[in-house]
Every structure is written in structure tokens, then in C-alpha cells.
Amino acid sequence: MFKVFKLKKILKIVFLIYIIFLLYILFLKCEYRVKSSFEFLSKEHIKYCTNLKPLNTVKRYIRGFINHNVSISLLLENLLGNFILFVPMSFFIIYFFKEISFFKYIICLILVIILIELIQFAFIIGVADIDDVILNFSGAVFSYILIKNVLKKNFF
């Protein structure tokens, strides 16, 4: 009983650290550029700080890597980084909310990821990119399925 209590406490601390890390990566890593006006509605901002065309950024990074304009580290940081960013979230959600259905998990996940992109767009923090949504979502769903089908038998 004491070991289970200690494990839960440790996992809560690790979850808090993960959330702080997520907030840093998503909102503070880029130069923080909150504007006092409605500059986020300008044509220039919409043109250069948004991507609503699915897989456009992914193609651009891969093409840039093939043409030697993008380094392997930048390619991996952007594509693989966005894929694995929400992987730990699945573990914590499954552990803390054991009875959550896959459908509820998907709905919450989509809403959270889209909210993050909208905040980045509104406060001009980085680029609001549909590819980030796709990669974040894919990583989280992949890890959810992996945990539910493989690890659950041994850990949960």
C-alpha cells in the first residue's frame, strides 16, 4: 500500500514537471511577442505565422533536408519533436483517469491541441500550424494505443 501511494505521489510530481516543460516548449521557447493591438489579424501575420494546409510544413522540412537547406537536427526537432511532445500525456491520462474512453480522450486531446495553436496564433508566439496539430495528435494517439494494448497488462 505504501509503495502504491509513493508511486502515485512521484507520478503526480513528474506530471507537473511535464506540464511545465510543455508550457515552456509551446509558449516560452519562442521569443514571447504579445502585441497590444490586433496585429494578429493583419494579413502579414496570417500569411507568415499560420499554416492551414495539411502536411505543408512537413513537406517543406523534408524538401529542405533533401536539398541540404535544413539540417537533420532541425528536421528531427520539428517533426519528431512535435510527434513525441504529447506521447507522455497518454500515459498520465490513462494512469490518472483509468476509465476514460478512447472517444473522450480523442475529443479532449483535439480540443487541447487546437486551443494551444489558437493561443500561439492570437499571441503571435511561433507559428499556428495544422501540421503541429496532426503531429501532436498522431503521437498522442499512437502512445495511447501502445499503452492500452501493450503496457496496460504489465503496469496498470
Protein backbone atom coordinates (compact mmCIF):
# COMPACT_ATOMS: atom_id res chain seq x y z
CA MET A 1 0.00 0.00 0.00
CA PHE A 2 2.80 2.41 0.89
CA LYS A 3 4.59 1.70 -2.40
CA VAL A 4 1.44 2.46 -4.42
CA PHE A 5 0.93 5.73 -2.54
CA LYS A 6 4.56 6.70 -3.09
CA LEU A 7 4.35 5.83 -6.80
CA LYS A 8 1.21 7.99 -7.22
CA LYS A 9 2.91 10.90 -5.50
CA ILE A 10 6.00 10.56 -7.67
CA LEU A 11 3.87 10.34 -10.83
CA LYS A 12 1.96 13.49 -9.84
CA ILE A 13 5.27 15.34 -9.46
CA VAL A 14 6.54 14.01 -12.79
CA PHE A 15 3.24 15.04 -14.42
CA LEU A 16 3.60 18.56 -13.04
CA ILE A 17 7.17 18.74 -14.40
CA TYR A 18 5.90 17.51 -17.78
CA ILE A 19 3.18 20.20 -17.86
CA ILE A 20 5.73 22.91 -17.02
CA PHE A 21 8.00 21.55 -19.77
CA LEU A 22 5.06 21.59 -22.24
CA LEU A 23 4.21 25.19 -21.35
CA TYR A 24 7.83 26.21 -21.84
CA ILE A 25 8.15 24.45 -25.21
CA LEU A 26 4.78 25.65 -26.51
CA PHE A 27 4.74 29.24 -25.28
CA LEU A 28 8.06 30.41 -23.90
CA LYS A 29 10.74 28.79 -26.05
CA CYS A 30 9.99 31.15 -28.92
CA GLU A 31 10.52 34.83 -28.47
CA TYR A 32 7.50 36.00 -26.49
CA ARG A 33 5.87 38.61 -28.71
CA VAL A 34 2.46 39.51 -27.29
CA LYS A 35 1.14 42.55 -29.13
CA SER A 36 -1.11 45.10 -27.51
CA SER A 37 -3.11 45.68 -30.69
CA PHE A 38 -4.93 43.34 -33.02
CA GLU A 39 -1.79 42.73 -35.07
CA PHE A 40 -2.56 39.01 -35.14
CA LEU A 41 -5.40 39.85 -37.55
CA SER A 42 -3.11 41.55 -40.06
CA LYS A 43 -2.60 39.97 -43.47
CA GLU A 44 1.15 39.78 -42.87
CA HIS A 45 0.73 37.84 -39.62
CA ILE A 46 -1.80 35.47 -41.15
CA LYS A 47 0.45 34.89 -44.17
CA TYR A 48 3.71 34.25 -42.29
CA CYS A 49 2.53 32.84 -38.95
CA THR A 50 -0.12 30.34 -39.96
CA ASN A 51 -0.29 27.16 -41.96
CA LEU A 52 -3.71 25.68 -42.58
CA LYS A 53 -2.60 23.42 -45.43
CA PRO A 54 -2.15 19.87 -44.05
CA LEU A 55 1.37 18.42 -44.36
CA ASN A 56 2.71 21.61 -45.99
CA THR A 57 5.29 22.19 -43.25
CA VAL A 58 6.23 18.51 -43.17
CA LYS A 59 6.86 18.55 -46.94
CA ARG A 60 8.81 21.80 -46.67
CA TYR A 61 11.12 20.42 -43.97
CA ILE A 62 11.69 17.16 -45.85
CA ARG A 63 12.30 19.01 -49.13
CA GLY A 64 14.67 21.37 -47.33
CA PHE A 65 16.57 18.44 -45.84
CA ILE A 66 16.87 16.72 -49.23
CA ASN A 67 18.14 19.98 -50.78
CA HIS A 68 20.61 20.48 -47.88
CA ASN A 69 18.85 23.65 -46.69
CA VAL A 70 17.58 22.10 -43.44
CA SER A 71 19.79 20.21 -41.01
CA ILE A 72 18.86 16.79 -39.67
CA SER A 73 18.66 18.26 -36.17
CA LEU A 74 16.14 20.91 -37.26
CA LEU A 75 14.12 18.31 -39.17
CA LEU A 76 14.02 15.97 -36.17
CA GLU A 77 13.34 18.78 -33.70
CA ASN A 78 10.33 19.97 -35.65
CA LEU A 79 8.79 16.76 -36.97
CA LEU A 80 9.80 14.14 -34.42
CA GLY A 81 9.63 16.70 -31.61
CA ASN A 82 6.02 17.54 -32.41
CA PHE A 83 5.19 13.83 -32.69
CA ILE A 84 6.65 12.92 -29.27
CA LEU A 85 5.59 16.09 -27.44
CA PHE A 86 2.22 14.63 -26.39
CA VAL A 87 3.34 11.00 -26.03
CA PRO A 88 3.71 11.27 -22.21
CA MET A 89 0.23 12.79 -21.98
CA SER A 90 -1.34 9.44 -22.89
CA PHE A 91 0.47 7.68 -20.08
CA PHE A 92 -0.64 10.23 -17.49
CA ILE A 93 -4.24 10.36 -18.72
CA ILE A 94 -4.54 6.57 -18.69
CA TYR A 95 -2.89 6.32 -15.28
CA PHE A 96 -4.87 9.08 -13.55
CA PHE A 97 -8.19 8.52 -15.38
CA LYS A 98 -8.29 4.75 -15.73
CA GLU A 99 -11.86 4.63 -17.00
CA ILE A 100 -11.62 7.31 -19.71
CA SER A 101 -12.93 6.08 -23.03
CA PHE A 102 -10.90 6.38 -26.21
CA PHE A 103 -13.57 8.70 -27.65
CA LYS A 104 -13.43 11.11 -24.69
CA TYR A 105 -9.63 11.03 -24.80
CA ILE A 106 -9.63 11.92 -28.52
CA ILE A 107 -12.12 14.77 -28.08
CA CYS A 108 -10.17 16.28 -25.15
CA LEU A 109 -6.88 15.84 -26.98
CA ILE A 110 -8.11 17.58 -30.13
CA LEU A 111 -9.58 20.46 -28.12
CA VAL A 112 -6.38 20.97 -26.10
CA ILE A 113 -4.10 20.87 -29.15
CA ILE A 114 -6.30 23.25 -31.16
CA LEU A 115 -6.54 25.59 -28.16
CA ILE A 116 -2.73 25.64 -27.95
CA GLU A 117 -2.45 26.55 -31.64
CA LEU A 118 -5.11 29.28 -31.25
CA ILE A 119 -3.21 30.77 -28.30
CA GLN A 120 0.00 30.72 -30.33
CA PHE A 121 -1.83 32.47 -33.18
CA ALA A 122 -3.56 35.09 -31.02
CA PHE A 123 -0.46 35.99 -29.02
CA ILE A 124 1.89 35.71 -32.02
CA ILE A 125 4.01 33.00 -30.41
CA GLY A 126 5.65 30.88 -33.07
CA VAL A 127 3.50 29.60 -35.93
CA ALA A 128 -0.06 28.30 -35.70
CA ASP A 129 0.36 25.20 -37.85
CA ILE A 130 -2.10 22.45 -38.75
CA ASP A 131 0.90 20.13 -39.10
CA ASP A 132 1.65 20.64 -35.40
CA VAL A 133 -1.91 19.56 -34.65
CA ILE A 134 -1.53 16.49 -36.86
CA LEU A 135 1.87 15.50 -35.41
CA ASN A 136 0.89 16.17 -31.76
CA PHE A 137 -2.35 14.26 -32.21
CA SER A 138 -0.66 11.35 -34.01
CA GLY A 139 1.96 10.95 -31.29
CA ALA A 140 -0.62 11.02 -28.52
CA VAL A 141 -2.93 8.53 -30.23
CA PHE A 142 -0.01 6.23 -31.09
CA SER A 143 1.14 6.19 -27.46
CA TYR A 144 -2.43 5.72 -26.18
CA ILE A 145 -2.91 2.64 -28.36
CA LEU A 146 0.53 1.31 -27.42
CA ILE A 147 -0.09 1.78 -23.70
CA LYS A 148 -3.60 0.32 -23.79
CA ASN A 149 -2.55 -2.74 -25.81
CA VAL A 150 0.97 -3.49 -24.57
CA LEU A 151 1.86 -1.82 -21.28
CA LYS A 152 -1.52 -1.97 -19.57
CA LYS A 153 -1.21 -5.69 -18.98
CA ASN A 154 2.02 -5.21 -17.05
CA PHE A 155 1.75 -1.78 -15.40
CA PHE A 156 -1.83 -0.58 -15.00
